[in-house]
Protein backbone atom coordinates (compact mmCIF):
# COMPACT_ATOMS: atom_id res chain seq x y z
CA MET A 1 0.05 -0.03 0.02
CA GLU A 2 2.85 2.37 0.70
CA LYS A 3 4.40 1.67 -2.64
CA GLU A 4 1.24 2.63 -4.48
CA THR A 5 1.07 5.81 -2.52
CA LYS A 6 4.37 6.93 -3.43
CA ILE A 7 3.89 6.03 -7.15
CA ASP A 8 0.52 7.98 -7.05
CA GLU A 9 2.24 10.96 -5.44
CA GLU A 10 4.85 10.94 -8.13
CA LEU A 11 2.38 10.70 -10.78
CA ARG A 12 0.36 13.58 -9.40
CA GLU A 13 3.64 15.75 -9.20
CA ASP A 14 4.43 15.06 -12.71
CA SER A 15 1.03 15.81 -14.01
CA ALA A 16 0.98 19.06 -11.88
CA LYS A 17 4.33 20.00 -13.64
CA SER A 18 3.13 19.46 -16.89
CA ALA A 19 -0.18 21.18 -16.30
CA SER A 20 1.64 24.43 -15.56
CA PRO A 21 0.96 27.24 -18.16
CA PRO A 22 3.69 27.59 -20.85
CA LYS A 23 6.14 30.23 -20.33
CA VAL A 24 5.18 33.55 -21.86
CA ASP A 25 7.97 34.99 -24.29
CA GLN A 26 9.63 38.11 -22.76
CA ILE A 27 9.41 40.12 -26.07
CA ILE A 28 5.72 39.28 -26.69
CA SER A 29 4.89 40.41 -22.90
CA VAL A 30 6.48 43.73 -23.80
CA ILE A 31 5.06 44.49 -27.24
CA GLY A 32 1.85 42.21 -27.06
CA GLU A 33 0.25 39.82 -29.35
CA THR A 34 -0.26 40.49 -33.07
CA GLY A 35 -2.87 43.28 -33.30
CA ARG A 36 -3.79 46.17 -35.47
CA TRP A 37 -0.52 48.02 -34.58
CA GLN A 38 1.80 45.28 -35.72
CA LEU A 39 -0.36 44.63 -38.91
CA ARG A 40 -0.33 48.19 -39.79
CA GLY A 41 3.60 48.38 -39.10
CA ILE A 42 4.19 45.24 -41.44
CA ALA A 43 1.80 46.54 -43.95
CA ILE A 44 3.92 49.96 -44.14
CA VAL A 45 7.25 48.10 -44.31
CA PHE A 46 5.87 45.92 -47.17
CA PHE A 47 4.54 48.92 -49.27
CA ILE A 48 7.66 50.80 -48.82
CA SER A 49 9.86 47.76 -50.12
CA VAL A 50 7.84 47.21 -53.15
CA PRO A 51 9.62 49.74 -55.43
CA GLY A 52 12.99 48.35 -54.49
CA LEU A 53 11.79 44.69 -55.17
CA ALA A 54 10.80 45.87 -58.75
CA HIS A 55 14.11 47.09 -59.37
CA ILE A 56 15.78 43.85 -58.26
CA PHE A 57 13.42 41.61 -60.37
CA VAL A 58 13.43 43.53 -63.43
CA ALA A 59 17.08 42.83 -64.32
CA PRO A 60 16.66 39.29 -65.62
CA PHE A 61 13.98 40.58 -68.02
CA SER A 62 15.71 43.80 -69.23
CA MET A 63 19.39 42.24 -69.18
CA PRO A 64 19.08 38.42 -70.47
CA LYS A 65 22.09 36.86 -71.69
CA THR A 66 22.26 36.78 -75.44
CA ASP A 67 24.72 35.19 -77.85
CA PHE A 68 26.85 37.48 -79.84
CA TRP A 69 29.57 37.38 -82.54
CA CYS A 70 32.39 39.68 -83.51
CA TYR A 71 31.40 41.37 -86.82
CA ASP A 72 34.30 42.24 -89.18
CA GLU A 73 33.29 45.43 -91.24
CA GLU A 74 36.01 44.95 -93.91
CA THR A 75 35.23 41.34 -94.93
CA HIS A 76 31.58 41.48 -93.68
CA THR A 77 31.92 38.23 -91.83
CA ASN A 78 30.98 37.00 -88.30
CA SER A 79 33.47 35.08 -86.16
CA SER A 80 33.95 33.56 -82.87
CA LYS A 81 30.63 33.03 -81.15
CA ASN A 82 30.68 34.59 -77.47
CA ASP A 83 34.27 35.43 -77.68
CA CYS A 84 35.37 38.97 -76.05
CA SER A 85 38.28 40.28 -77.93
CA SER A 86 39.72 43.88 -77.73
CA SER A 87 40.24 44.00 -81.59
CA CYS A 88 36.44 43.56 -82.25
CA GLY A 89 34.91 46.92 -83.49
CA LYS A 90 31.38 45.88 -83.68
CA TYR A 91 29.39 42.95 -82.21
CA LEU A 92 26.07 41.31 -83.65
CA HIS A 93 23.70 39.84 -81.22
CA ASP A 94 21.24 37.04 -81.56
CA LEU A 95 17.83 38.79 -81.56
CA GLU A 96 15.81 35.65 -81.89
CA SER A 97 14.27 35.57 -78.33
CA TRP A 98 14.63 39.35 -77.52
CA GLN A 99 14.24 42.34 -79.84
CA GLN A 100 16.27 44.72 -77.85
CA THR A 101 17.76 44.41 -74.46
CA VAL A 102 20.33 46.70 -72.34
CA ILE A 103 23.07 44.33 -73.11
CA THR A 104 22.32 44.55 -77.12
CA GLU A 105 21.77 48.30 -77.02
CA TYR A 106 25.08 49.31 -75.37
CA ASP A 107 27.15 46.25 -76.48
CA LEU A 108 27.65 45.15 -73.01
CA VAL A 109 29.27 41.73 -73.97
CA CYS A 110 32.50 41.57 -71.96
């Protein structure tokens, strides 16, 4: 009988420990739960960051990598695909996928 009482007491102590309320985060106790003020702050930060994100995500569409060739104006021939050489005076670009990009407009190949 004595053993059963000790086991019962240990079980009660364990259940009392697990039944205690979870600890409250210190930051949440200072700033509070998610409410109107927090949602307003998140919305303001989101709308302020949208223009910056537009600049980041526009680069792949305005500057895609295209193939290019060195064009020799004297012989009117193309040579060496995707080869940067300082002796090349003019580059021709593959315009099959893109009509005009920043790279093709300013010959940004090297």
